[in-house]
Amino acid sequence: MFPDAKFIHTYRNPYFVFSSTLKLFRNLLPVFSLQKWDDKQIQDGFLRNFKKMYEIFERDKKLIPKGNLLDVKYEDLIIDPLKASKQTYKELLLDNYELPKEKFE
């Protein structure tokens, strides 16, 4: 459907992702759940889904044409979002970085 689509894969240390996701669920579930939830099931479900997601990603990323996939480290994005966005435009050969620059700022 979009043969020349560009993809940005933001990645982060899986231990931090796990910790952050558990914190999210532990804060949301007591507020929005109508039934009891099991913390162990939340942890196991996260690990199962995370593993499956990356298995599929690793399998399918070879289908993306060279130069159309950029890996961006989450911490780099947080530390200097403008630098990361400019680098993203450069790496993916996107034109007119100056157009969205003001919105990024």
C-alpha atoms as a PDB file:
ATOM      1  CA  MET A   1       0.000   0.000   0.000  1.00  0.00           C
ATOM      2  CA  PHE A   2       2.870   2.398   0.880  1.00  0.00           C
ATOM      3  CA  PRO A   3       5.967   0.862  -0.704  1.00  0.00           C
ATOM      4  CA  ASP A   4       8.307   3.730   0.180  1.00  0.00           C
ATOM      5  CA  ALA A   5       7.052   4.315   3.725  1.00  0.00           C
ATOM      6  CA  LYS A   6       9.609   5.437   6.312  1.00  0.00           C
ATOM      7  CA  PHE A   7       9.722   3.842   9.757  1.00  0.00           C
ATOM      8  CA  ILE A   8      11.162   5.086  13.023  1.00  0.00           C
ATOM      9  CA  HIS A   9      11.827   2.394  15.604  1.00  0.00           C
ATOM     10  CA  THR A  10      12.291   3.925  19.034  1.00  0.00           C
ATOM     11  CA  TYR A  11      14.001   1.491  21.345  1.00  0.00           C
ATOM     12  CA  ARG A  12      14.786   1.463  25.043  1.00  0.00           C
ATOM     13  CA  ASN A  13      16.437  -0.843  27.529  1.00  0.00           C
ATOM     14  CA  PRO A  14      13.869  -3.641  28.011  1.00  0.00           C
ATOM     15  CA  TYR A  15      14.304  -3.552  31.787  1.00  0.00           C
ATOM     16  CA  PHE A  16      13.215   0.095  31.813  1.00  0.00           C
ATOM     17  CA  VAL A  17      10.290  -0.681  29.487  1.00  0.00           C
ATOM     18  CA  PHE A  18       9.202  -3.504  31.810  1.00  0.00           C
ATOM     19  CA  SER A  19       9.445  -1.305  34.903  1.00  0.00           C
ATOM     20  CA  SER A  20       7.640   1.602  33.250  1.00  0.00           C
ATOM     21  CA  THR A  21       4.845  -0.587  31.911  1.00  0.00           C
ATOM     22  CA  LEU A  22       4.287  -2.225  35.304  1.00  0.00           C
ATOM     23  CA  LYS A  23       4.116   1.199  36.918  1.00  0.00           C
ATOM     24  CA  LEU A  24       1.537   2.278  34.332  1.00  0.00           C
ATOM     25  CA  PHE A  25      -0.672  -0.764  34.915  1.00  0.00           C
ATOM     26  CA  ARG A  26      -0.303  -0.598  38.694  1.00  0.00           C
ATOM     27  CA  ASN A  27      -1.499   3.014  38.618  1.00  0.00           C
ATOM     28  CA  LEU A  28      -4.305   2.562  36.072  1.00  0.00           C
ATOM     29  CA  LEU A  29      -5.826  -0.753  37.028  1.00  0.00           C
ATOM     30  CA  PRO A  30      -6.947   0.200  40.550  1.00  0.00           C
ATOM     31  CA  VAL A  31      -8.764   3.201  39.079  1.00  0.00           C
ATOM     32  CA  PHE A  32     -10.349   1.591  36.022  1.00  0.00           C
ATOM     33  CA  SER A  33     -10.728  -2.105  36.862  1.00  0.00           C
ATOM     34  CA  LEU A  34     -14.076  -3.553  37.807  1.00  0.00           C
ATOM     35  CA  GLN A  35     -12.492  -6.765  39.023  1.00  0.00           C
ATOM     36  CA  LYS A  36      -9.355  -7.843  40.825  1.00  0.00           C
ATOM     37  CA  TRP A  37      -6.186  -8.211  38.813  1.00  0.00           C
ATOM     38  CA  ASP A  38      -3.135 -10.342  39.422  1.00  0.00           C
ATOM     39  CA  ASP A  39       0.229  -8.577  39.291  1.00  0.00           C
ATOM     40  CA  LYS A  40       1.976 -11.797  38.242  1.00  0.00           C
ATOM     41  CA  GLN A  41      -0.389 -12.128  35.270  1.00  0.00           C
ATOM     42  CA  ILE A  42       0.361  -8.526  34.275  1.00  0.00           C
ATOM     43  CA  GLN A  43       4.095  -9.239  34.391  1.00  0.00           C
ATOM     44  CA  ASP A  44       3.805 -12.519  32.496  1.00  0.00           C
ATOM     45  CA  GLY A  45       1.525 -10.952  29.892  1.00  0.00           C
ATOM     46  CA  PHE A  46       3.934  -8.093  29.339  1.00  0.00           C
ATOM     47  CA  LEU A  47       6.900 -10.437  28.917  1.00  0.00           C
ATOM     48  CA  ARG A  48       4.969 -12.662  26.527  1.00  0.00           C
ATOM     49  CA  ASN A  49       3.748  -9.719  24.430  1.00  0.00           C
ATOM     50  CA  PHE A  50       7.128  -7.966  24.394  1.00  0.00           C
ATOM     51  CA  LYS A  51       8.899 -11.139  23.274  1.00  0.00           C
ATOM     52  CA  LYS A  52       6.320 -11.798  20.544  1.00  0.00           C
ATOM     53  CA  MET A  53       6.393  -8.184  19.362  1.00  0.00           C
ATOM     54  CA  TYR A  54      10.164  -8.241  18.900  1.00  0.00           C
ATOM     55  CA  GLU A  55      10.142 -11.673  17.282  1.00  0.00           C
ATOM     56  CA  ILE A  56       7.746 -10.318  14.659  1.00  0.00           C
ATOM     57  CA  PHE A  57       9.691  -7.075  14.317  1.00  0.00           C
ATOM     58  CA  GLU A  58      12.988  -8.907  13.771  1.00  0.00           C
ATOM     59  CA  ARG A  59      11.342 -11.241  11.272  1.00  0.00           C
ATOM     60  CA  ASP A  60       9.605  -8.513   9.275  1.00  0.00           C
ATOM     61  CA  LYS A  61      12.055  -5.616   9.349  1.00  0.00           C
ATOM     62  CA  LYS A  62      13.965  -7.168   6.456  1.00  0.00           C
ATOM     63  CA  LEU A  63      10.901  -6.390   4.314  1.00  0.00           C
ATOM     64  CA  ILE A  64      11.524  -2.662   4.770  1.00  0.00           C
ATOM     65  CA  PRO A  65      13.746  -1.247   2.030  1.00  0.00           C
ATOM     66  CA  LYS A  66      17.249  -0.222   3.069  1.00  0.00           C
ATOM     67  CA  GLY A  67      17.267   3.398   4.206  1.00  0.00           C
ATOM     68  CA  ASN A  68      13.584   3.405   5.199  1.00  0.00           C
ATOM     69  CA  LEU A  69      14.036   2.214   8.792  1.00  0.00           C
ATOM     70  CA  LEU A  70      15.749   4.257  11.452  1.00  0.00           C
ATOM     71  CA  ASP A  71      16.477   3.086  14.994  1.00  0.00           C
ATOM     72  CA  VAL A  72      16.301   5.902  17.548  1.00  0.00           C
ATOM     73  CA  LYS A  73      17.404   5.393  21.121  1.00  0.00           C
ATOM     74  CA  TYR A  74      14.681   6.606  23.507  1.00  0.00           C
ATOM     75  CA  GLU A  75      17.176   8.268  25.828  1.00  0.00           C
ATOM     76  CA  ASP A  76      18.629  10.307  22.922  1.00  0.00           C
ATOM     77  CA  LEU A  77      15.132  11.461  22.032  1.00  0.00           C
ATOM     78  CA  ILE A  78      14.441  12.533  25.622  1.00  0.00           C
ATOM     79  CA  ILE A  79      17.811  14.256  26.140  1.00  0.00           C
ATOM     80  CA  ASP A  80      17.696  16.344  22.952  1.00  0.00           C
ATOM     81  CA  PRO A  81      14.450  15.980  20.974  1.00  0.00           C
ATOM     82  CA  LEU A  82      15.384  18.664  18.423  1.00  0.00           C
ATOM     83  CA  LYS A  83      18.695  17.001  17.637  1.00  0.00           C
ATOM     84  CA  ALA A  84      16.960  13.618  17.354  1.00  0.00           C
ATOM     85  CA  SER A  85      14.263  15.005  15.038  1.00  0.00           C
ATOM     86  CA  LYS A  86      16.845  16.715  12.820  1.00  0.00           C
ATOM     87  CA  GLN A  87      18.902  13.500  12.674  1.00  0.00           C
ATOM     88  CA  THR A  88      15.743  11.563  11.794  1.00  0.00           C
ATOM     89  CA  TYR A  89      15.036  13.861   8.848  1.00  0.00           C
ATOM     90  CA  LYS A  90      18.633  13.584   7.693  1.00  0.00           C
ATOM     91  CA  GLU A  91      18.876   9.788   8.024  1.00  0.00           C
ATOM     92  CA  LEU A  92      15.543   9.115   6.316  1.00  0.00           C
ATOM     93  CA  LEU A  93      16.316  11.651   3.588  1.00  0.00           C
ATOM     94  CA  LEU A  94      13.234  13.704   4.361  1.00  0.00           C
ATOM     95  CA  ASP A  95      13.093  17.185   2.900  1.00  0.00           C
ATOM     96  CA  ASN A  96      12.169  20.507   4.464  1.00  0.00           C
ATOM     97  CA  TYR A  97      13.191  19.986   8.089  1.00  0.00           C
ATOM     98  CA  GLU A  98      12.746  23.734   8.541  1.00  0.00           C
ATOM     99  CA  LEU A  99       8.968  23.430   7.968  1.00  0.00           C
ATOM    100  CA  PRO A 100       8.160  21.393  11.106  1.00  0.00           C
ATOM    101  CA  LYS A 101      11.134  22.690  13.110  1.00  0.00           C
ATOM    102  CA  GLU A 102       9.057  25.447  14.713  1.00  0.00           C
ATOM    103  CA  LYS A 103       6.416  22.940  15.807  1.00  0.00           C
ATOM    104  CA  PHE A 104       9.111  20.624  17.164  1.00  0.00           C
ATOM    105  CA  GLU A 105      10.547  23.500  19.169  1.00  0.00           C
END
